[in-house]
PDB file of N, CA and C in Angstrom:
ATOM      1  N   UNK A   1      68.761 -38.478 -61.367  1.00  0.00           N
ATOM      2  CA  UNK A   1      69.380 -37.277 -60.829  1.00  0.00           C
ATOM      3  C   UNK A   1      68.491 -36.072 -61.103  1.00  0.00           C
ATOM      4  N   UNK A   2      68.484 -35.153 -60.173  1.00  0.00           N
ATOM      5  CA  UNK A   2      67.691 -33.939 -60.301  1.00  0.00           C
ATOM      6  C   UNK A   2      68.476 -32.874 -61.060  1.00  0.00           C
ATOM      7  N   UNK A   3      67.757 -32.102 -61.861  1.00  0.00           N
ATOM      8  CA  UNK A   3      68.379 -31.014 -62.611  1.00  0.00           C
ATOM      9  C   UNK A   3      67.544 -29.757 -62.462  1.00  0.00           C
ATOM     10  N   UNK A   4      68.235 -28.630 -62.405  1.00  0.00           N
ATOM     11  CA  UNK A   4      67.587 -27.319 -62.376  1.00  0.00           C
ATOM     12  C   UNK A   4      68.191 -26.466 -63.468  1.00  0.00           C
ATOM     13  N   UNK A   5      67.401 -25.552 -63.995  1.00  0.00           N
ATOM     14  CA  UNK A   5      67.894 -24.583 -64.968  1.00  0.00           C
ATOM     15  C   UNK A   5      67.877 -23.219 -64.297  1.00  0.00           C
ATOM     16  N   UNK A   6      69.033 -22.546 -64.321  1.00  0.00           N
ATOM     17  CA  UNK A   6      69.179 -21.220 -63.708  1.00  0.00           C
ATOM     18  C   UNK A   6      69.564 -20.204 -64.764  1.00  0.00           C
ATOM     19  N   UNK A   7      68.991 -19.029 -64.680  1.00  0.00           N
ATOM     20  CA  UNK A   7      69.410 -17.905 -65.510  1.00  0.00           C
ATOM     21  C   UNK A   7      70.230 -17.000 -64.592  1.00  0.00           C
ATOM     22  N   UNK A   8      71.543 -17.009 -64.767  1.00  0.00           N
ATOM     23  CA  UNK A   8      72.446 -16.301 -63.863  1.00  0.00           C
ATOM     24  C   UNK A   8      72.910 -14.992 -64.494  1.00  0.00           C
ATOM     25  N   UNK A   9      72.830 -13.929 -63.726  1.00  0.00           N
ATOM     26  CA  UNK A   9      73.345 -12.615 -64.121  1.00  0.00           C
ATOM     27  C   UNK A   9      74.078 -12.042 -62.916  1.00  0.00           C
ATOM     28  N   UNK A  10      75.383 -12.287 -62.865  1.00  0.00           N
ATOM     29  CA  UNK A  10      76.197 -11.868 -61.729  1.00  0.00           C
ATOM     30  C   UNK A  10      77.339 -10.993 -62.231  1.00  0.00           C
ATOM     31  N   UNK A  11      77.273  -9.684 -61.981  1.00  0.00           N
ATOM     32  CA  UNK A  11      78.331  -8.779 -62.444  1.00  0.00           C
ATOM     33  C   UNK A  11      79.680  -9.119 -61.809  1.00  0.00           C
ATOM     34  N   UNK A  12      80.742  -8.791 -62.493  1.00  0.00           N
ATOM     35  CA  UNK A  12      82.106  -9.107 -62.055  1.00  0.00           C
ATOM     36  C   UNK A  12      82.392  -8.560 -60.666  1.00  0.00           C
ATOM     37  N   UNK A  13      81.941  -7.352 -60.352  1.00  0.00           N
ATOM     38  CA  UNK A  13      82.259  -6.774 -59.044  1.00  0.00           C
ATOM     39  C   UNK A  13      81.645  -7.584 -57.916  1.00  0.00           C
ATOM     40  N   UNK A  14      80.503  -8.220 -58.150  1.00  0.00           N
ATOM     41  CA  UNK A  14      79.913  -9.062 -57.109  1.00  0.00           C
ATOM     42  C   UNK A  14      80.654 -10.390 -57.001  1.00  0.00           C
ATOM     43  N   UNK A  15      81.101 -10.919 -58.123  1.00  0.00           N
ATOM     44  CA  UNK A  15      81.869 -12.172 -58.085  1.00  0.00           C
ATOM     45  C   UNK A  15      83.194 -11.953 -57.361  1.00  0.00           C
ATOM     46  N   UNK A  16      83.783 -10.778 -57.529  1.00  0.00           N
ATOM     47  CA  UNK A  16      85.053 -10.465 -56.877  1.00  0.00           C
ATOM     48  C   UNK A  16      84.936 -10.482 -55.359  1.00  0.00           C
ATOM     49  N   UNK A  17      83.730 -10.321 -54.841  1.00  0.00           N
ATOM     50  CA  UNK A  17      83.520 -10.371 -53.389  1.00  0.00           C
ATOM     51  C   UNK A  17      83.934 -11.730 -52.824  1.00  0.00           C
ATOM     52  N   UNK A  18      83.865 -12.776 -53.637  1.00  0.00           N
ATOM     53  CA  UNK A  18      84.284 -14.090 -53.180  1.00  0.00           C
ATOM     54  C   UNK A  18      85.765 -14.079 -52.811  1.00  0.00           C
ATOM     55  N   UNK A  19      86.559 -13.432 -53.644  1.00  0.00           N
ATOM     56  CA  UNK A  19      87.992 -13.386 -53.387  1.00  0.00           C
ATOM     57  C   UNK A  19      88.335 -12.530 -52.178  1.00  0.00           C
ATOM     58  N   UNK A  20      87.458 -11.602 -51.862  1.00  0.00           N
ATOM     59  CA  UNK A  20      87.663 -10.761 -50.682  1.00  0.00           C
ATOM     60  C   UNK A  20      87.124 -11.443 -49.420  1.00  0.00           C
ATOM     61  N   UNK A  21      86.494 -12.588 -49.571  1.00  0.00           N
ATOM     62  CA  UNK A  21      85.956 -13.324 -48.437  1.00  0.00           C
ATOM     63  C   UNK A  21      84.558 -12.925 -48.038  1.00  0.00           C
ATOM     64  N   UNK A  22      83.940 -12.007 -48.773  1.00  0.00           N
ATOM     65  CA  UNK A  22      82.610 -11.528 -48.415  1.00  0.00           C
ATOM     66  C   UNK A  22      81.498 -12.433 -48.931  1.00  0.00           C
ATOM     67  N   UNK A  23      81.775 -13.239 -49.932  1.00  0.00           N
ATOM     68  CA  UNK A  23      80.742 -14.111 -50.501  1.00  0.00           C
ATOM     69  C   UNK A  23      81.350 -15.451 -50.875  1.00  0.00           C
ATOM     70  N   UNK A  24      80.601 -16.508 -50.621  1.00  0.00           N
ATOM     71  CA  UNK A  24      81.058 -17.844 -50.992  1.00  0.00           C
ATOM     72  C   UNK A  24      80.020 -18.605 -51.794  1.00  0.00           C
ATOM     73  N   UNK A  25      78.783 -18.117 -51.777  1.00  0.00           N
ATOM     74  CA  UNK A  25      77.691 -18.837 -52.431  1.00  0.00           C
ATOM     75  C   UNK A  25      76.906 -17.958 -53.379  1.00  0.00           C
ATOM     76  N   UNK A  26      76.325 -18.617 -54.356  1.00  0.00           N
ATOM     77  CA  UNK A  26      75.409 -17.979 -55.289  1.00  0.00           C
ATOM     78  C   UNK A  26      74.017 -18.455 -54.915  1.00  0.00           C
ATOM     79  N   UNK A  27      73.112 -17.542 -54.648  1.00  0.00           N
ATOM     80  CA  UNK A  27      71.725 -17.884 -54.364  1.00  0.00           C
ATOM     81  C   UNK A  27      70.918 -17.461 -55.580  1.00  0.00           C
ATOM     82  N   UNK A  28      70.193 -18.428 -56.151  1.00  0.00           N
ATOM     83  CA  UNK A  28      69.428 -18.136 -57.366  1.00  0.00           C
ATOM     84  C   UNK A  28      68.107 -18.882 -57.326  1.00  0.00           C
ATOM     85  N   UNK A  29      67.183 -18.435 -58.153  1.00  0.00           N
ATOM     86  CA  UNK A  29      65.894 -19.095 -58.308  1.00  0.00           C
ATOM     87  C   UNK A  29      65.865 -19.757 -59.671  1.00  0.00           C
ATOM     88  N   UNK A  30      65.521 -21.027 -59.688  1.00  0.00           N
ATOM     89  CA  UNK A  30      65.469 -21.767 -60.953  1.00  0.00           C
ATOM     90  C   UNK A  30      64.287 -21.281 -61.783  1.00  0.00           C
ATOM     91  N   UNK A  31      64.287 -21.669 -63.052  1.00  0.00           N
ATOM     92  CA  UNK A  31      63.204 -21.252 -63.937  1.00  0.00           C
ATOM     93  C   UNK A  31      61.850 -21.782 -63.482  1.00  0.00           C
ATOM     94  N   UNK A  32      61.844 -22.886 -62.713  1.00  0.00           N
ATOM     95  CA  UNK A  32      60.574 -23.425 -62.206  1.00  0.00           C
ATOM     96  C   UNK A  32      60.235 -22.917 -60.799  1.00  0.00           C
ATOM     97  N   UNK A  33      61.006 -21.927 -60.304  1.00  0.00           N
ATOM     98  CA  UNK A  33      60.672 -21.257 -59.054  1.00  0.00           C
ATOM     99  C   UNK A  33      61.336 -21.775 -57.794  1.00  0.00           C
ATOM    100  N   UNK A  34      62.201 -22.778 -57.896  1.00  0.00           N
ATOM    101  CA  UNK A  34      62.885 -23.298 -56.706  1.00  0.00           C
ATOM    102  C   UNK A  34      64.133 -22.472 -56.414  1.00  0.00           C
ATOM    103  N   UNK A  35      64.343 -22.182 -55.130  1.00  0.00           N
ATOM    104  CA  UNK A  35      65.503 -21.415 -54.699  1.00  0.00           C
ATOM    105  C   UNK A  35      66.636 -22.375 -54.369  1.00  0.00           C
ATOM    106  N   UNK A  36      67.850 -22.048 -54.826  1.00  0.00           N
ATOM    107  CA  UNK A  36      68.996 -22.917 -54.626  1.00  0.00           C
ATOM    108  C   UNK A  36      70.206 -22.080 -54.229  1.00  0.00           C
ATOM    109  N   UNK A  37      71.049 -22.652 -53.379  1.00  0.00           N
ATOM    110  CA  UNK A  37      72.297 -22.006 -52.972  1.00  0.00           C
ATOM    111  C   UNK A  37      73.435 -22.909 -53.425  1.00  0.00           C
ATOM    112  N   UNK A  38      74.351 -22.350 -54.212  1.00  0.00           N
ATOM    113  CA  UNK A  38      75.461 -23.117 -54.775  1.00  0.00           C
ATOM    114  C   UNK A  38      76.779 -22.418 -54.480  1.00  0.00           C
ATOM    115  N   UNK A  39      77.862 -23.185 -54.379  1.00  0.00           N
ATOM    116  CA  UNK A  39      79.166 -22.542 -54.175  1.00  0.00           C
ATOM    117  C   UNK A  39      79.584 -21.777 -55.432  1.00  0.00           C
ATOM    118  N   UNK A  40      80.060 -20.564 -55.247  1.00  0.00           N
ATOM    119  CA  UNK A  40      80.544 -19.781 -56.391  1.00  0.00           C
ATOM    120  C   UNK A  40      81.680 -20.496 -57.107  1.00  0.00           C
ATOM    121  N   UNK A  41      82.419 -21.308 -56.387  1.00  0.00           N
ATOM    122  CA  UNK A  41      83.533 -22.030 -56.997  1.00  0.00           C
ATOM    123  C   UNK A  41      83.075 -22.950 -58.130  1.00  0.00           C
ATOM    124  N   UNK A  42      81.824 -23.371 -58.129  1.00  0.00           N
ATOM    125  CA  UNK A  42      81.295 -24.222 -59.195  1.00  0.00           C
ATOM    126  C   UNK A  42      81.162 -23.465 -60.517  1.00  0.00           C
ATOM    127  N   UNK A  43      81.247 -22.124 -60.456  1.00  0.00           N
ATOM    128  CA  UNK A  43      81.066 -21.297 -61.648  1.00  0.00           C
ATOM    129  C   UNK A  43      82.360 -20.657 -62.137  1.00  0.00           C
ATOM    130  N   UNK A  44      83.495 -21.011 -61.541  1.00  0.00           N
ATOM    131  CA  UNK A  44      84.776 -20.383 -61.881  1.00  0.00           C
ATOM    132  C   UNK A  44      85.069 -20.435 -63.377  1.00  0.00           C
ATOM    133  N   UNK A  45      84.826 -21.569 -63.992  1.00  0.00           N
ATOM    134  CA  UNK A  45      85.166 -21.702 -65.418  1.00  0.00           C
ATOM    135  C   UNK A  45      84.272 -20.880 -66.340  1.00  0.00           C
ATOM    136  N   UNK A  46      83.201 -20.295 -65.808  1.00  0.00           N
ATOM    137  CA  UNK A  46      82.286 -19.497 -66.611  1.00  0.00           C
ATOM    138  C   UNK A  46      82.475 -17.988 -66.427  1.00  0.00           C
ATOM    139  N   UNK A  47      83.432 -17.588 -65.603  1.00  0.00           N
ATOM    140  CA  UNK A  47      83.659 -16.176 -65.318  1.00  0.00           C
ATOM    141  C   UNK A  47      84.312 -15.495 -66.516  1.00  0.00           C
ATOM    142  N   UNK A  48      83.760 -14.350 -66.890  1.00  0.00           N
ATOM    143  CA  UNK A  48      84.349 -13.506 -67.930  1.00  0.00           C
ATOM    144  C   UNK A  48      84.677 -12.158 -67.296  1.00  0.00           C
ATOM    145  N   UNK A  49      85.204 -11.239 -68.076  1.00  0.00           N
ATOM    146  CA  UNK A  49      85.484  -9.899 -67.558  1.00  0.00           C
ATOM    147  C   UNK A  49      84.207  -9.193 -67.124  1.00  0.00           C
ATOM    148  N   UNK A  50      83.074  -9.587 -67.681  1.00  0.00           N
ATOM    149  CA  UNK A  50      81.795  -8.976 -67.320  1.00  0.00           C
ATOM    150  C   UNK A  50      81.169  -9.626 -66.087  1.00  0.00           C
ATOM    151  N   UNK A  51      81.579 -10.844 -65.769  1.00  0.00           N
ATOM    152  CA  UNK A  51      81.007 -11.586 -64.647  1.00  0.00           C
ATOM    153  C   UNK A  51      80.541 -12.949 -65.102  1.00  0.00           C
ATOM    154  N   UNK A  52      79.439 -13.432 -64.538  1.00  0.00           N
ATOM    155  CA  UNK A  52      78.857 -14.714 -64.930  1.00  0.00           C
ATOM    156  C   UNK A  52      77.452 -14.450 -65.438  1.00  0.00           C
ATOM    157  N   UNK A  53      77.237 -14.735 -66.697  1.00  0.00           N
ATOM    158  CA  UNK A  53      75.939 -14.513 -67.320  1.00  0.00           C
ATOM    159  C   UNK A  53      75.585 -15.712 -68.186  1.00  0.00           C
ATOM    160  N   UNK A  54      74.334 -16.106 -68.143  1.00  0.00           N
ATOM    161  CA  UNK A  54      73.878 -17.162 -69.028  1.00  0.00           C
ATOM    162  C   UNK A  54      72.896 -18.097 -68.369  1.00  0.00           C
ATOM    163  N   UNK A  55      72.513 -19.076 -69.149  1.00  0.00           N
ATOM    164  CA  UNK A  55      71.589 -20.105 -68.722  1.00  0.00           C
ATOM    165  C   UNK A  55      72.412 -21.333 -68.364  1.00  0.00           C
ATOM    166  N   UNK A  56      72.181 -21.884 -67.163  1.00  0.00           N
ATOM    167  CA  UNK A  56      72.979 -22.993 -66.661  1.00  0.00           C
ATOM    168  C   UNK A  56      72.089 -24.142 -66.215  1.00  0.00           C
ATOM    169  N   UNK A  57      72.525 -25.360 -66.537  1.00  0.00           N
ATOM    170  CA  UNK A  57      71.871 -26.555 -66.026  1.00  0.00           C
ATOM    171  C   UNK A  57      72.717 -27.056 -64.859  1.00  0.00           C
ATOM    172  N   UNK A  58      72.080 -27.240 -63.717  1.00  0.00           N
ATOM    173  CA  UNK A  58      72.759 -27.696 -62.507  1.00  0.00           C
ATOM    174  C   UNK A  58      72.210 -29.076 -62.174  1.00  0.00           C
ATOM    175  N   UNK A  59      73.115 -30.026 -62.010  1.00  0.00           N
ATOM    176  CA  UNK A  59      72.721 -31.411 -61.761  1.00  0.00           C
ATOM    177  C   UNK A  59      73.133 -31.834 -60.360  1.00  0.00           C
ATOM    178  N   UNK A  60      72.211 -32.545 -59.682  1.00  0.00           N
ATOM    179  CA  UNK A  60      72.432 -33.024 -58.320  1.00  0.00           C
ATOM    180  C   UNK A  60      72.253 -34.535 -58.264  1.00  0.00           C
ATOM    181  N   UNK A  61      72.961 -35.190 -57.322  1.00  0.00           N
ATOM    182  CA  UNK A  61      72.766 -36.631 -57.143  1.00  0.00           C
ATOM    183  C   UNK A  61      71.565 -36.868 -56.221  1.00  0.00           C
ATOM    184  N   UNK A  62      71.312 -38.132 -55.889  1.00  0.00           N
ATOM    185  CA  UNK A  62      70.153 -38.475 -55.061  1.00  0.00           C
ATOM    186  C   UNK A  62      70.259 -37.932 -53.637  1.00  0.00           C
ATOM    187  N   UNK A  63      71.469 -37.565 -53.216  1.00  0.00           N
ATOM    188  CA  UNK A  63      71.676 -36.973 -51.891  1.00  0.00           C
ATOM    189  C   UNK A  63      71.715 -35.451 -51.935  1.00  0.00           C
ATOM    190  N   UNK A  64      71.305 -34.880 -53.058  1.00  0.00           N
ATOM    191  CA  UNK A  64      71.253 -33.427 -53.268  1.00  0.00           C
ATOM    192  C   UNK A  64      72.622 -32.776 -53.287  1.00  0.00           C
ATOM    193  N   UNK A  65      73.642 -33.541 -53.616  1.00  0.00           N
ATOM    194  CA  UNK A  65      75.005 -33.004 -53.756  1.00  0.00           C
ATOM    195  C   UNK A  65      75.213 -32.567 -55.198  1.00  0.00           C
ATOM    196  N   UNK A  66      75.899 -31.471 -55.370  1.00  0.00           N
ATOM    197  CA  UNK A  66      76.170 -30.927 -56.696  1.00  0.00           C
ATOM    198  C   UNK A  66      77.044 -31.892 -57.489  1.00  0.00           C
ATOM    199  N   UNK A  67      76.613 -32.221 -58.702  1.00  0.00           N
ATOM    200  CA  UNK A  67      77.350 -33.128 -59.574  1.00  0.00           C
ATOM    201  C   UNK A  67      78.004 -32.354 -60.713  1.00  0.00           C
ATOM    202  N   UNK A  68      77.233 -31.468 -61.359  1.00  0.00           N
ATOM    203  CA  UNK A  68      77.768 -30.756 -62.521  1.00  0.00           C
ATOM    204  C   UNK A  68      77.021 -29.453 -62.762  1.00  0.00           C
ATOM    205  N   UNK A  69      77.746 -28.502 -63.349  1.00  0.00           N
ATOM    206  CA  UNK A  69      77.157 -27.252 -63.816  1.00  0.00           C
ATOM    207  C   UNK A  69      77.562 -27.108 -65.275  1.00  0.00           C
ATOM    208  N   UNK A  70      76.575 -26.939 -66.142  1.00  0.00           N
ATOM    209  CA  UNK A  70      76.813 -26.836 -67.577  1.00  0.00           C
ATOM    210  C   UNK A  70      76.142 -25.575 -68.099  1.00  0.00           C
ATOM    211  N   UNK A  71      76.871 -24.814 -68.893  1.00  0.00           N
ATOM    212  CA  UNK A  71      76.266 -23.626 -69.497  1.00  0.00           C
ATOM    213  C   UNK A  71      75.504 -24.044 -70.738  1.00  0.00           C
ATOM    214  N   UNK A  72      74.275 -23.576 -70.864  1.00  0.00           N
ATOM    215  CA  UNK A  72      73.419 -23.912 -71.986  1.00  0.00           C
ATOM    216  C   UNK A  72      73.373 -22.766 -72.988  1.00  0.00           C
ATOM    217  N   UNK A  73      72.965 -23.078 -74.171  1.00  0.00           N
ATOM    218  CA  UNK A  73      72.701 -22.066 -75.197  1.00  0.00           C
ATOM    219  C   UNK A  73      71.501 -21.265 -74.707  1.00  0.00           C
ATOM    220  N   UNK A  74      71.637 -19.964 -74.629  1.00  0.00           N
ATOM    221  CA  UNK A  74      70.564 -19.113 -74.128  1.00  0.00           C
ATOM    222  C   UNK A  74      69.533 -18.898 -75.227  1.00  0.00           C
ATOM    223  N   UNK A  75      68.434 -19.672 -75.167  1.00  0.00           N
ATOM    224  CA  UNK A  75      67.398 -19.591 -76.192  1.00  0.00           C
ATOM    225  C   UNK A  75      66.107 -19.006 -75.659  1.00  0.00           C
ATOM    226  N   UNK A  76      66.143 -18.412 -74.462  1.00  0.00           N
ATOM    227  CA  UNK A  76      64.921 -17.836 -73.884  1.00  0.00           C
ATOM    228  C   UNK A  76      64.673 -16.447 -74.384  1.00  0.00           C
TER     229      UNK A  76
END
């Protein structure tokens, strides 16, 4: 399975756009430079009052379907 590491910094007001229907996806660049588009719904459990911040490991199956999103200890 393929894995990417993303450093996400998404303020709460931008995440709220999803609920207003203006945004459905998070577009980010992985630490190795690959651009990825993921559903914001995959990050719901990581939302705080400040938004979504942190280092995340994103795992995909052989068909490039999202399998898991895990928040990592931010050691960068």
